[in-house]
Amino acid sequence: MAIVDLQNHKIEYYDSMLGNNRQVFELLLSYICAEMKDKKKQEICTNQWTRDSRKDIPTQQNGSDCGMFACKFAEYASRRAPIDFNQKHMPYFRKRMVWEIFQQKLM
């Protein structure tokens, strides 16, 4: 999961397996440049962009929770909340997500 901060020229990458996928930054920046050129008719310099592959995050302990971790990273980031969950919270988050989908509302 990645967060692109256009205003502060920063990309934060969240990988619950703590992978170091440097290519994701270049792909996102390439997309941003293409969109700016197409939509705003502007070229931007991406050399000054900060690229942060976050390592101070909880990690998954299995091969099946990556989607839930990505959803929770996005949710917490959108609320600007400290990331204070871990692997043991995943069963609860899964049940909660199912409830929210069936009820068509967020808790």
C-alpha atoms as a PDB file:
ATOM      1  CA  MET A   1       0.000   0.000   0.000  1.00  0.00           C
ATOM      2  CA  ALA A   2       1.391   3.406  -0.862  1.00  0.00           C
ATOM      3  CA  ILE A   3       0.473   6.948   0.085  1.00  0.00           C
ATOM      4  CA  VAL A   4       1.266   9.693  -2.400  1.00  0.00           C
ATOM      5  CA  ASP A   5       1.475  13.156  -0.860  1.00  0.00           C
ATOM      6  CA  LEU A   6       1.433  15.511  -3.857  1.00  0.00           C
ATOM      7  CA  GLN A   7       1.705  18.658  -1.774  1.00  0.00           C
ATOM      8  CA  ASN A   8       4.826  17.581   0.123  1.00  0.00           C
ATOM      9  CA  HIS A   9       6.334  15.529  -2.719  1.00  0.00           C
ATOM     10  CA  LYS A  10       6.493  12.334  -0.715  1.00  0.00           C
ATOM     11  CA  ILE A  11       5.628   8.665  -1.220  1.00  0.00           C
ATOM     12  CA  GLU A  12       5.291   6.281   1.716  1.00  0.00           C
ATOM     13  CA  TYR A  13       5.266   2.547   0.966  1.00  0.00           C
ATOM     14  CA  TYR A  14       3.777   0.074   3.445  1.00  0.00           C
ATOM     15  CA  ASP A  15       4.598  -3.632   3.043  1.00  0.00           C
ATOM     16  CA  SER A  16       3.574  -5.921   5.893  1.00  0.00           C
ATOM     17  CA  MET A  17       6.300  -8.357   4.787  1.00  0.00           C
ATOM     18  CA  LEU A  18       8.878  -5.516   5.012  1.00  0.00           C
ATOM     19  CA  GLY A  19       9.860  -5.978   1.396  1.00  0.00           C
ATOM     20  CA  ASN A  20      12.023  -3.355  -0.254  1.00  0.00           C
ATOM     21  CA  ASN A  21      10.258  -2.859  -3.579  1.00  0.00           C
ATOM     22  CA  ARG A  22      12.106   0.176  -4.939  1.00  0.00           C
ATOM     23  CA  GLN A  23      10.352  -0.252  -8.284  1.00  0.00           C
ATOM     24  CA  VAL A  24       7.017   0.814  -6.788  1.00  0.00           C
ATOM     25  CA  PHE A  25       8.356   4.345  -6.288  1.00  0.00           C
ATOM     26  CA  GLU A  26       9.470   4.701  -9.889  1.00  0.00           C
ATOM     27  CA  LEU A  27       6.173   3.300 -11.196  1.00  0.00           C
ATOM     28  CA  LEU A  28       4.123   5.698  -9.069  1.00  0.00           C
ATOM     29  CA  LEU A  29       6.295   8.675 -10.001  1.00  0.00           C
ATOM     30  CA  SER A  30       6.069   7.756 -13.675  1.00  0.00           C
ATOM     31  CA  TYR A  31       2.272   7.661 -13.360  1.00  0.00           C
ATOM     32  CA  ILE A  32       2.201  11.015 -11.543  1.00  0.00           C
ATOM     33  CA  CYS A  33       4.379  12.617 -14.227  1.00  0.00           C
ATOM     34  CA  ALA A  34       2.168  11.253 -17.009  1.00  0.00           C
ATOM     35  CA  GLU A  35      -1.002  12.476 -15.269  1.00  0.00           C
ATOM     36  CA  MET A  36       0.438  15.950 -14.657  1.00  0.00           C
ATOM     37  CA  LYS A  37       1.503  16.204 -18.270  1.00  0.00           C
ATOM     38  CA  ASP A  38      -1.877  14.989 -19.550  1.00  0.00           C
ATOM     39  CA  LYS A  39      -4.198  16.810 -17.160  1.00  0.00           C
ATOM     40  CA  LYS A  40      -2.300  19.971 -16.206  1.00  0.00           C
ATOM     41  CA  LYS A  41       0.086  20.262 -19.176  1.00  0.00           C
ATOM     42  CA  GLN A  42       2.927  20.525 -16.653  1.00  0.00           C
ATOM     43  CA  GLU A  43       6.148  18.614 -16.295  1.00  0.00           C
ATOM     44  CA  ILE A  44       7.350  17.934 -12.788  1.00  0.00           C
ATOM     45  CA  CYS A  45      10.760  17.041 -11.464  1.00  0.00           C
ATOM     46  CA  THR A  46      10.624  13.964  -9.276  1.00  0.00           C
ATOM     47  CA  ASN A  47      14.258  14.097  -8.129  1.00  0.00           C
ATOM     48  CA  GLN A  48      13.285  15.978  -4.972  1.00  0.00           C
ATOM     49  CA  TRP A  49      10.528  13.548  -3.999  1.00  0.00           C
ATOM     50  CA  THR A  50      11.009  11.689  -0.725  1.00  0.00           C
ATOM     51  CA  ARG A  51      10.659   7.921  -0.997  1.00  0.00           C
ATOM     52  CA  ASP A  52       9.982   6.208   2.322  1.00  0.00           C
ATOM     53  CA  SER A  53       9.699   2.432   2.576  1.00  0.00           C
ATOM     54  CA  ARG A  54       8.225   2.219   6.061  1.00  0.00           C
ATOM     55  CA  LYS A  55       9.883  -0.290   8.381  1.00  0.00           C
ATOM     56  CA  ASP A  56       8.289   0.881  11.650  1.00  0.00           C
ATOM     57  CA  ILE A  57       5.075  -0.985  10.939  1.00  0.00           C
ATOM     58  CA  PRO A  58       3.520  -4.259  12.107  1.00  0.00           C
ATOM     59  CA  THR A  59       4.350  -7.329  10.060  1.00  0.00           C
ATOM     60  CA  GLN A  60       2.205 -10.242   9.047  1.00  0.00           C
ATOM     61  CA  GLN A  61       3.129 -13.689  10.297  1.00  0.00           C
ATOM     62  CA  ASN A  62       1.424 -15.682   7.535  1.00  0.00           C
ATOM     63  CA  GLY A  63       0.883 -15.598   3.803  1.00  0.00           C
ATOM     64  CA  SER A  64      -2.802 -14.728   3.831  1.00  0.00           C
ATOM     65  CA  ASP A  65      -3.257 -11.439   5.689  1.00  0.00           C
ATOM     66  CA  CYS A  66      -1.556  -9.039   3.258  1.00  0.00           C
ATOM     67  CA  GLY A  67      -4.882  -7.651   2.007  1.00  0.00           C
ATOM     68  CA  MET A  68      -6.161  -6.964   5.496  1.00  0.00           C
ATOM     69  CA  PHE A  69      -2.875  -5.326   6.469  1.00  0.00           C
ATOM     70  CA  ALA A  70      -3.072  -3.113   3.358  1.00  0.00           C
ATOM     71  CA  CYS A  71      -6.659  -2.118   4.199  1.00  0.00           C
ATOM     72  CA  LYS A  72      -5.758  -1.318   7.795  1.00  0.00           C
ATOM     73  CA  PHE A  73      -2.643   0.668   6.808  1.00  0.00           C
ATOM     74  CA  ALA A  74      -4.842   2.732   4.473  1.00  0.00           C
ATOM     75  CA  GLU A  75      -7.567   3.214   7.090  1.00  0.00           C
ATOM     76  CA  TYR A  76      -5.172   4.265   9.830  1.00  0.00           C
ATOM     77  CA  ALA A  77      -3.268   6.597   7.491  1.00  0.00           C
ATOM     78  CA  SER A  78      -6.512   8.223   6.322  1.00  0.00           C
ATOM     79  CA  ARG A  79      -7.387   8.942   9.949  1.00  0.00           C
ATOM     80  CA  ARG A  80      -3.806   9.999  10.727  1.00  0.00           C
ATOM     81  CA  ALA A  81      -3.947   7.463  13.549  1.00  0.00           C
ATOM     82  CA  PRO A  82      -0.890   5.759  14.984  1.00  0.00           C
ATOM     83  CA  ILE A  83      -0.499   2.260  13.594  1.00  0.00           C
ATOM     84  CA  ASP A  84      -1.010   0.271  16.763  1.00  0.00           C
ATOM     85  CA  PHE A  85      -2.391  -3.033  15.496  1.00  0.00           C
ATOM     86  CA  ASN A  86      -0.590  -6.303  14.835  1.00  0.00           C
ATOM     87  CA  GLN A  87      -1.108  -9.836  13.569  1.00  0.00           C
ATOM     88  CA  LYS A  88      -3.267 -10.879  16.520  1.00  0.00           C
ATOM     89  CA  HIS A  89      -5.886  -8.253  15.560  1.00  0.00           C
ATOM     90  CA  MET A  90      -6.473  -9.699  12.078  1.00  0.00           C
ATOM     91  CA  PRO A  91      -9.281 -12.166  13.004  1.00  0.00           C
ATOM     92  CA  TYR A  92     -11.228  -9.303  14.621  1.00  0.00           C
ATOM     93  CA  PHE A  93     -10.599  -7.002  11.639  1.00  0.00           C
ATOM     94  CA  ARG A  94     -11.830  -9.696   9.252  1.00  0.00           C
ATOM     95  CA  LYS A  95     -15.061 -10.202  11.215  1.00  0.00           C
ATOM     96  CA  ARG A  96     -15.565  -6.468  11.478  1.00  0.00           C
ATOM     97  CA  MET A  97     -15.071  -6.007   7.736  1.00  0.00           C
ATOM     98  CA  VAL A  98     -17.638  -8.715   6.974  1.00  0.00           C
ATOM     99  CA  TRP A  99     -20.116  -7.036   9.343  1.00  0.00           C
ATOM    100  CA  GLU A 100     -19.493  -3.627   7.729  1.00  0.00           C
ATOM    101  CA  ILE A 101     -19.997  -5.045   4.241  1.00  0.00           C
ATOM    102  CA  PHE A 102     -23.258  -6.769   5.161  1.00  0.00           C
ATOM    103  CA  GLN A 103     -24.556  -3.764   7.099  1.00  0.00           C
ATOM    104  CA  GLN A 104     -23.312  -1.353   4.409  1.00  0.00           C
ATOM    105  CA  LYS A 105     -21.900   0.998   7.001  1.00  0.00           C
ATOM    106  CA  LEU A 106     -18.646   1.535   8.817  1.00  0.00           C
ATOM    107  CA  MET A 107     -18.286   1.044  12.527  1.00  0.00           C
END
